Amino acid sequence: MKMELIQESLAQWGELSIYTASGQVFELHSGDTTFDTSSRVIRFTSADAKYIIDGDAVDVVKMHYSHPEK
């Protein structure tokens, strides 16, 4: 998946879950995530670590609803 699509989706939703080709799952937030399009990496910070991941190795993006409709 193109990382530009992930960047656009994060700007729209503010929070995303991403699933990488290696099977890892990360939660991205617009306030602590940056996209380096020249190096093709996504950088973000969690509560306990800083991450740099291959921006084009994301297979699935989940845009979840905070309050599902009933």
PDB file of N, CA and C in Angstrom:
ATOM      1  N   MET A   1       0.847  -1.173   0.000  1.00  0.00           N
ATOM      2  CA  MET A   1       0.000   0.000   0.000  1.00  0.00           C
ATOM      3  C   MET A   1       0.895   1.239   0.000  1.00  0.00           C
ATOM      4  N   LYS A   2       0.536   2.217  -0.759  1.00  0.00           N
ATOM      5  CA  LYS A   2       1.316   3.445  -0.825  1.00  0.00           C
ATOM      6  C   LYS A   2       1.213   4.229   0.485  1.00  0.00           C
ATOM      7  N   MET A   3       2.342   4.673   0.993  1.00  0.00           N
ATOM      8  CA  MET A   3       2.325   5.385   2.270  1.00  0.00           C
ATOM      9  C   MET A   3       1.607   6.731   2.171  1.00  0.00           C
ATOM     10  N   GLU A   4       1.501   7.281   0.969  1.00  0.00           N
ATOM     11  CA  GLU A   4       0.754   8.539   0.816  1.00  0.00           C
ATOM     12  C   GLU A   4      -0.726   8.343   1.150  1.00  0.00           C
ATOM     13  N   LEU A   5      -1.254   7.170   0.831  1.00  0.00           N
ATOM     14  CA  LEU A   5      -2.639   6.861   1.181  1.00  0.00           C
ATOM     15  C   LEU A   5      -2.794   6.744   2.700  1.00  0.00           C
ATOM     16  N   ILE A   6      -1.810   6.156   3.343  1.00  0.00           N
ATOM     17  CA  ILE A   6      -1.823   6.060   4.808  1.00  0.00           C
ATOM     18  C   ILE A   6      -1.767   7.453   5.414  1.00  0.00           C
ATOM     19  N   GLN A   7      -0.923   8.312   4.870  1.00  0.00           N
ATOM     20  CA  GLN A   7      -0.800   9.690   5.352  1.00  0.00           C
ATOM     21  C   GLN A   7      -2.118  10.445   5.189  1.00  0.00           C
ATOM     22  N   GLU A   8      -2.757  10.312   4.054  1.00  0.00           N
ATOM     23  CA  GLU A   8      -4.052  10.970   3.813  1.00  0.00           C
ATOM     24  C   GLU A   8      -5.125  10.445   4.770  1.00  0.00           C
ATOM     25  N   SER A   9      -5.150   9.144   4.964  1.00  0.00           N
ATOM     26  CA  SER A   9      -6.143   8.535   5.851  1.00  0.00           C
ATOM     27  C   SER A   9      -5.937   8.982   7.291  1.00  0.00           C
ATOM     28  N   LEU A  10      -4.677   9.061   7.728  1.00  0.00           N
ATOM     29  CA  LEU A  10      -4.395   9.516   9.088  1.00  0.00           C
ATOM     30  C   LEU A  10      -4.814  10.968   9.270  1.00  0.00           C
ATOM     31  N   ALA A  11      -4.582  11.796   8.270  1.00  0.00           N
ATOM     32  CA  ALA A  11      -5.004  13.198   8.347  1.00  0.00           C
ATOM     33  C   ALA A  11      -6.518  13.307   8.461  1.00  0.00           C
ATOM     34  N   GLN A  12      -7.226  12.419   7.791  1.00  0.00           N
ATOM     35  CA  GLN A  12      -8.685  12.443   7.814  1.00  0.00           C
ATOM     36  C   GLN A  12      -9.248  11.876   9.118  1.00  0.00           C
ATOM     37  N   TRP A  13      -8.711  10.765   9.590  1.00  0.00           N
ATOM     38  CA  TRP A  13      -9.273  10.053  10.735  1.00  0.00           C
ATOM     39  C   TRP A  13      -8.623  10.421  12.062  1.00  0.00           C
ATOM     40  N   GLY A  14      -7.360  10.854  12.038  1.00  0.00           N
ATOM     41  CA  GLY A  14      -6.659  11.215  13.277  1.00  0.00           C
ATOM     42  C   GLY A  14      -6.020  10.043  13.992  1.00  0.00           C
ATOM     43  N   GLU A  15      -6.484   8.831  13.715  1.00  0.00           N
ATOM     44  CA  GLU A  15      -5.967   7.616  14.348  1.00  0.00           C
ATOM     45  C   GLU A  15      -6.225   6.431  13.421  1.00  0.00           C
ATOM     46  N   LEU A  16      -5.219   5.575  13.283  1.00  0.00           N
ATOM     47  CA  LEU A  16      -5.328   4.390  12.430  1.00  0.00           C
ATOM     48  C   LEU A  16      -4.624   3.216  13.089  1.00  0.00           C
ATOM     49  N   SER A  17      -5.061   2.021  12.775  1.00  0.00           N
ATOM     50  CA  SER A  17      -4.288   0.816  13.062  1.00  0.00           C
ATOM     51  C   SER A  17      -3.734   0.347  11.724  1.00  0.00           C
ATOM     52  N   ILE A  18      -2.442   0.023  11.714  1.00  0.00           N
ATOM     53  CA  ILE A  18      -1.832  -0.479  10.491  1.00  0.00           C
ATOM     54  C   ILE A  18      -1.269  -1.869  10.744  1.00  0.00           C
ATOM     55  N   TYR A  19      -1.318  -2.695   9.714  1.00  0.00           N
ATOM     56  CA  TYR A  19      -0.811  -4.057   9.765  1.00  0.00           C
ATOM     57  C   TYR A  19       0.281  -4.170   8.725  1.00  0.00           C
ATOM     58  N   THR A  20       1.488  -4.560   9.150  1.00  0.00           N
ATOM     59  CA  THR A  20       2.621  -4.623   8.226  1.00  0.00           C
ATOM     60  C   THR A  20       2.718  -5.989   7.561  1.00  0.00           C
ATOM     61  N   ALA A  21       3.551  -6.057   6.542  1.00  0.00           N
ATOM     62  CA  ALA A  21       3.769  -7.306   5.814  1.00  0.00           C
ATOM     63  C   ALA A  21       4.337  -8.395   6.726  1.00  0.00           C
ATOM     64  N   SER A  22       5.042  -8.008   7.782  1.00  0.00           N
ATOM     65  CA  SER A  22       5.614  -8.992   8.709  1.00  0.00           C
ATOM     66  C   SER A  22       4.622  -9.426   9.788  1.00  0.00           C
ATOM     67  N   GLY A  23       3.408  -8.854   9.760  1.00  0.00           N
ATOM     68  CA  GLY A  23       2.375  -9.262  10.703  1.00  0.00           C
ATOM     69  C   GLY A  23       2.260  -8.400  11.947  1.00  0.00           C
ATOM     70  N   GLN A  24       3.074  -7.373  12.049  1.00  0.00           N
ATOM     71  CA  GLN A  24       2.992  -6.494  13.220  1.00  0.00           C
ATOM     72  C   GLN A  24       1.838  -5.514  13.069  1.00  0.00           C
ATOM     73  N   VAL A  25       1.293  -5.105  14.219  1.00  0.00           N
ATOM     74  CA  VAL A  25       0.189  -4.149  14.246  1.00  0.00           C
ATOM     75  C   VAL A  25       0.634  -2.936  15.042  1.00  0.00           C
ATOM     76  N   PHE A  26       0.382  -1.751  14.492  1.00  0.00           N
ATOM     77  CA  PHE A  26       0.725  -0.503  15.162  1.00  0.00           C
ATOM     78  C   PHE A  26      -0.464   0.439  15.123  1.00  0.00           C
ATOM     79  N   GLU A  27      -0.592   1.254  16.140  1.00  0.00           N
ATOM     80  CA  GLU A  27      -1.623   2.286  16.148  1.00  0.00           C
ATOM     81  C   GLU A  27      -0.945   3.631  15.944  1.00  0.00           C
ATOM     82  N   LEU A  28      -1.361   4.334  14.912  1.00  0.00           N
ATOM     83  CA  LEU A  28      -0.792   5.643  14.593  1.00  0.00           C
ATOM     84  C   LEU A  28      -1.751   6.741  15.017  1.00  0.00           C
ATOM     85  N   HIS A  29      -1.185   7.837  15.503  1.00  0.00           N
ATOM     86  CA  HIS A  29      -1.964   9.024  15.860  1.00  0.00           C
ATOM     87  C   HIS A  29      -1.364  10.216  15.120  1.00  0.00           C
ATOM     88  N   SER A  30      -2.199  11.108  14.676  1.00  0.00           N
ATOM     89  CA  SER A  30      -1.717  12.233  13.874  1.00  0.00           C
ATOM     90  C   SER A  30      -0.738  13.118  14.637  1.00  0.00           C
ATOM     91  N   GLY A  31      -0.839  13.183  15.947  1.00  0.00           N
ATOM     92  CA  GLY A  31       0.036  14.055  16.732  1.00  0.00           C
ATOM     93  C   GLY A  31       1.447  13.546  16.919  1.00  0.00           C
ATOM     94  N   ASP A  32       1.691  12.249  16.722  1.00  0.00           N
ATOM     95  CA  ASP A  32       3.032  11.711  16.964  1.00  0.00           C
ATOM     96  C   ASP A  32       3.578  10.886  15.799  1.00  0.00           C
ATOM     97  N   THR A  33       3.040  11.120  14.606  1.00  0.00           N
ATOM     98  CA  THR A  33       3.458  10.356  13.425  1.00  0.00           C
ATOM     99  C   THR A  33       3.917  11.305  12.327  1.00  0.00           C
ATOM    100  N   THR A  34       5.059  10.984  11.721  1.00  0.00           N
ATOM    101  CA  THR A  34       5.548  11.758  10.578  1.00  0.00           C
ATOM    102  C   THR A  34       5.844  10.807   9.423  1.00  0.00           C
ATOM    103  N   PHE A  35       5.760  11.341   8.216  1.00  0.00           N
ATOM    104  CA  PHE A  35       5.977  10.570   7.001  1.00  0.00           C
ATOM    105  C   PHE A  35       7.140  11.172   6.236  1.00  0.00           C
ATOM    106  N   ASP A  36       8.151  10.388   5.959  1.00  0.00           N
ATOM    107  CA  ASP A  36       9.312  10.818   5.190  1.00  0.00           C
ATOM    108  C   ASP A  36       9.191  10.187   3.804  1.00  0.00           C
ATOM    109  N   THR A  37       8.650  10.957   2.866  1.00  0.00           N
ATOM    110  CA  THR A  37       8.394  10.406   1.531  1.00  0.00           C
ATOM    111  C   THR A  37       9.676  10.180   0.727  1.00  0.00           C
ATOM    112  N   SER A  38      10.753  10.887   1.052  1.00  0.00           N
ATOM    113  CA  SER A  38      12.000  10.656   0.317  1.00  0.00           C
ATOM    114  C   SER A  38      12.667   9.348   0.758  1.00  0.00           C
ATOM    115  N   SER A  39      12.578   9.015   2.039  1.00  0.00           N
ATOM    116  CA  SER A  39      13.152   7.764   2.544  1.00  0.00           C
ATOM    117  C   SER A  39      12.129   6.630   2.590  1.00  0.00           C
ATOM    118  N   ARG A  40      10.849   6.972   2.358  1.00  0.00           N
ATOM    119  CA  ARG A  40       9.752   5.995   2.346  1.00  0.00           C
ATOM    120  C   ARG A  40       9.580   5.306   3.698  1.00  0.00           C
ATOM    121  N   VAL A  41       9.676   6.100   4.788  1.00  0.00           N
ATOM    122  CA  VAL A  41       9.487   5.556   6.128  1.00  0.00           C
ATOM    123  C   VAL A  41       8.438   6.354   6.891  1.00  0.00           C
ATOM    124  N   ILE A  42       7.833   5.675   7.852  1.00  0.00           N
ATOM    125  CA  ILE A  42       6.892   6.291   8.780  1.00  0.00           C
ATOM    126  C   ILE A  42       7.557   6.253  10.143  1.00  0.00           C
ATOM    127  N   ARG A  43       7.586   7.396  10.816  1.00  0.00           N
ATOM    128  CA  ARG A  43       8.181   7.497  12.156  1.00  0.00           C
ATOM    129  C   ARG A  43       7.075   7.850  13.140  1.00  0.00           C
ATOM    130  N   PHE A  44       7.069   7.169  14.265  1.00  0.00           N
ATOM    131  CA  PHE A  44       6.079   7.490  15.288  1.00  0.00           C
ATOM    132  C   PHE A  44       6.585   7.068  16.654  1.00  0.00           C
ATOM    133  N   THR A  45       5.937   7.601  17.676  1.00  0.00           N
ATOM    134  CA  THR A  45       6.303   7.356  19.056  1.00  0.00           C
ATOM    135  C   THR A  45       5.124   6.738  19.783  1.00  0.00           C
ATOM    136  N   SER A  46       5.406   5.681  20.548  1.00  0.00           N
ATOM    137  CA  SER A  46       4.386   5.091  21.409  1.00  0.00           C
ATOM    138  C   SER A  46       4.724   5.462  22.848  1.00  0.00           C
ATOM    139  N   ALA A  47       3.999   4.912  23.787  1.00  0.00           N
ATOM    140  CA  ALA A  47       4.250   5.228  25.199  1.00  0.00           C
ATOM    141  C   ALA A  47       5.629   4.761  25.657  1.00  0.00           C
ATOM    142  N   ASP A  48       6.156   3.716  25.014  1.00  0.00           N
ATOM    143  CA  ASP A  48       7.411   3.152  25.504  1.00  0.00           C
ATOM    144  C   ASP A  48       8.549   3.096  24.484  1.00  0.00           C
ATOM    145  N   ALA A  49       8.322   3.569  23.240  1.00  0.00           N
ATOM    146  CA  ALA A  49       9.374   3.448  22.233  1.00  0.00           C
ATOM    147  C   ALA A  49       9.135   4.383  21.055  1.00  0.00           C
ATOM    148  N   LYS A  50      10.198   4.559  20.260  1.00  0.00           N
ATOM    149  CA  LYS A  50      10.103   5.260  18.986  1.00  0.00           C
ATOM    150  C   LYS A  50      10.262   4.219  17.893  1.00  0.00           C
ATOM    151  N   TYR A  51       9.505   4.375  16.814  1.00  0.00           N
ATOM    152  CA  TYR A  51       9.512   3.403  15.725  1.00  0.00           C
ATOM    153  C   TYR A  51       9.814   4.085  14.401  1.00  0.00           C
ATOM    154  N   ILE A  52      10.487   3.339  13.535  1.00  0.00           N
ATOM    155  CA  ILE A  52      10.671   3.710  12.136  1.00  0.00           C
ATOM    156  C   ILE A  52      10.312   2.459  11.345  1.00  0.00           C
ATOM    157  N   ILE A  53       9.292   2.564  10.499  1.00  0.00           N
ATOM    158  CA  ILE A  53       8.884   1.393   9.723  1.00  0.00           C
ATOM    159  C   ILE A  53       8.881   1.719   8.239  1.00  0.00           C
ATOM    160  N   ASP A  54       9.008   0.689   7.445  1.00  0.00           N
ATOM    161  CA  ASP A  54       8.962   0.820   5.995  1.00  0.00           C
ATOM    162  C   ASP A  54       7.555   1.271   5.605  1.00  0.00           C
ATOM    163  N   GLY A  55       7.453   2.447   5.064  1.00  0.00           N
ATOM    164  CA  GLY A  55       6.156   3.024   4.741  1.00  0.00           C
ATOM    165  C   GLY A  55       5.392   2.298   3.661  1.00  0.00           C
ATOM    166  N   ASP A  56       6.078   1.513   2.846  1.00  0.00           N
ATOM    167  CA  ASP A  56       5.417   0.775   1.778  1.00  0.00           C
ATOM    168  C   ASP A  56       5.199  -0.697   2.135  1.00  0.00           C
ATOM    169  N   ALA A  57       5.497  -1.085   3.382  1.00  0.00           N
ATOM    170  CA  ALA A  57       5.321  -2.471   3.817  1.00  0.00           C
ATOM    171  C   ALA A  57       4.028  -2.646   4.615  1.00  0.00           C
ATOM    172  N   VAL A  58       3.127  -1.686   4.504  1.00  0.00           N
ATOM    173  CA  VAL A  58       1.847  -1.780   5.202  1.00  0.00           C
ATOM    174  C   VAL A  58       0.847  -2.465   4.272  1.00  0.00           C
ATOM    175  N   ASP A  59       0.246  -3.532   4.773  1.00  0.00           N
ATOM    176  CA  ASP A  59      -0.719  -4.296   3.973  1.00  0.00           C
ATOM    177  C   ASP A  59      -2.154  -3.860   4.199  1.00  0.00           C
ATOM    178  N   VAL A  60      -2.492  -3.519   5.446  1.00  0.00           N
ATOM    179  CA  VAL A  60      -3.871  -3.202   5.808  1.00  0.00           C
ATOM    180  C   VAL A  60      -3.895  -1.972   6.692  1.00  0.00           C
ATOM    181  N   VAL A  61      -4.876  -1.117   6.441  1.00  0.00           N
ATOM    182  CA  VAL A  61      -5.126   0.046   7.297  1.00  0.00           C
ATOM    183  C   VAL A  61      -6.533  -0.100   7.856  1.00  0.00           C
ATOM    184  N   LYS A  62      -6.647   0.001   9.171  1.00  0.00           N
ATOM    185  CA  LYS A  62      -7.956  -0.088   9.825  1.00  0.00           C
ATOM    186  C   LYS A  62      -8.321   1.284  10.370  1.00  0.00           C
ATOM    187  N   MET A  63      -9.440   1.806   9.906  1.00  0.00           N
ATOM    188  CA  MET A  63      -9.960   3.089  10.374  1.00  0.00           C
ATOM    189  C   MET A  63     -11.171   2.760  11.245  1.00  0.00           C
ATOM    190  N   HIS A  64     -10.926   2.626  12.537  1.00  0.00           N
ATOM    191  CA  HIS A  64     -11.999   2.175  13.419  1.00  0.00           C
ATOM    192  C   HIS A  64     -12.803   3.327  13.978  1.00  0.00           C
ATOM    193  N   TYR A  65     -14.038   3.026  14.281  1.00  0.00           N
ATOM    194  CA  TYR A  65     -14.946   4.004  14.877  1.00  0.00           C
ATOM    195  C   TYR A  65     -14.810   3.971  16.395  1.00  0.00           C
ATOM    196  N   SER A  66     -14.723   5.139  17.008  1.00  0.00           N
ATOM    197  CA  SER A  66     -14.615   5.189  18.468  1.00  0.00           C
ATOM    198  C   SER A  66     -15.903   4.714  19.127  1.00  0.00           C
ATOM    199  N   HIS A  67     -17.033   5.066  18.545  1.00  0.00           N
ATOM    200  CA  HIS A  67     -18.324   4.698  19.100  1.00  0.00           C
ATOM    201  C   HIS A  67     -19.176   4.079  18.001  1.00  0.00           C
ATOM    202  N   PRO A  68     -19.168   2.753  17.906  1.00  0.00           N
ATOM    203  CA  PRO A  68     -19.944   2.107  16.841  1.00  0.00           C
ATOM    204  C   PRO A  68     -21.417   2.478  16.923  1.00  0.00           C
ATOM    205  N   GLU A  69     -22.026   2.603  15.743  1.00  0.00           N
ATOM    206  CA  GLU A  69     -23.459   2.908  15.696  1.00  0.00           C
ATOM    207  C   GLU A  69     -24.254   1.698  16.139  1.00  0.00           C
ATOM    208  N   LYS A  70     -25.370   1.945  16.795  1.00  0.00           N
ATOM    209  CA  LYS A  70     -26.240   0.852  17.259  1.00  0.00           C
ATOM    210  C   LYS A  70     -27.398   0.678  16.328  1.00  0.00           C
TER     211      LYS A  70
END
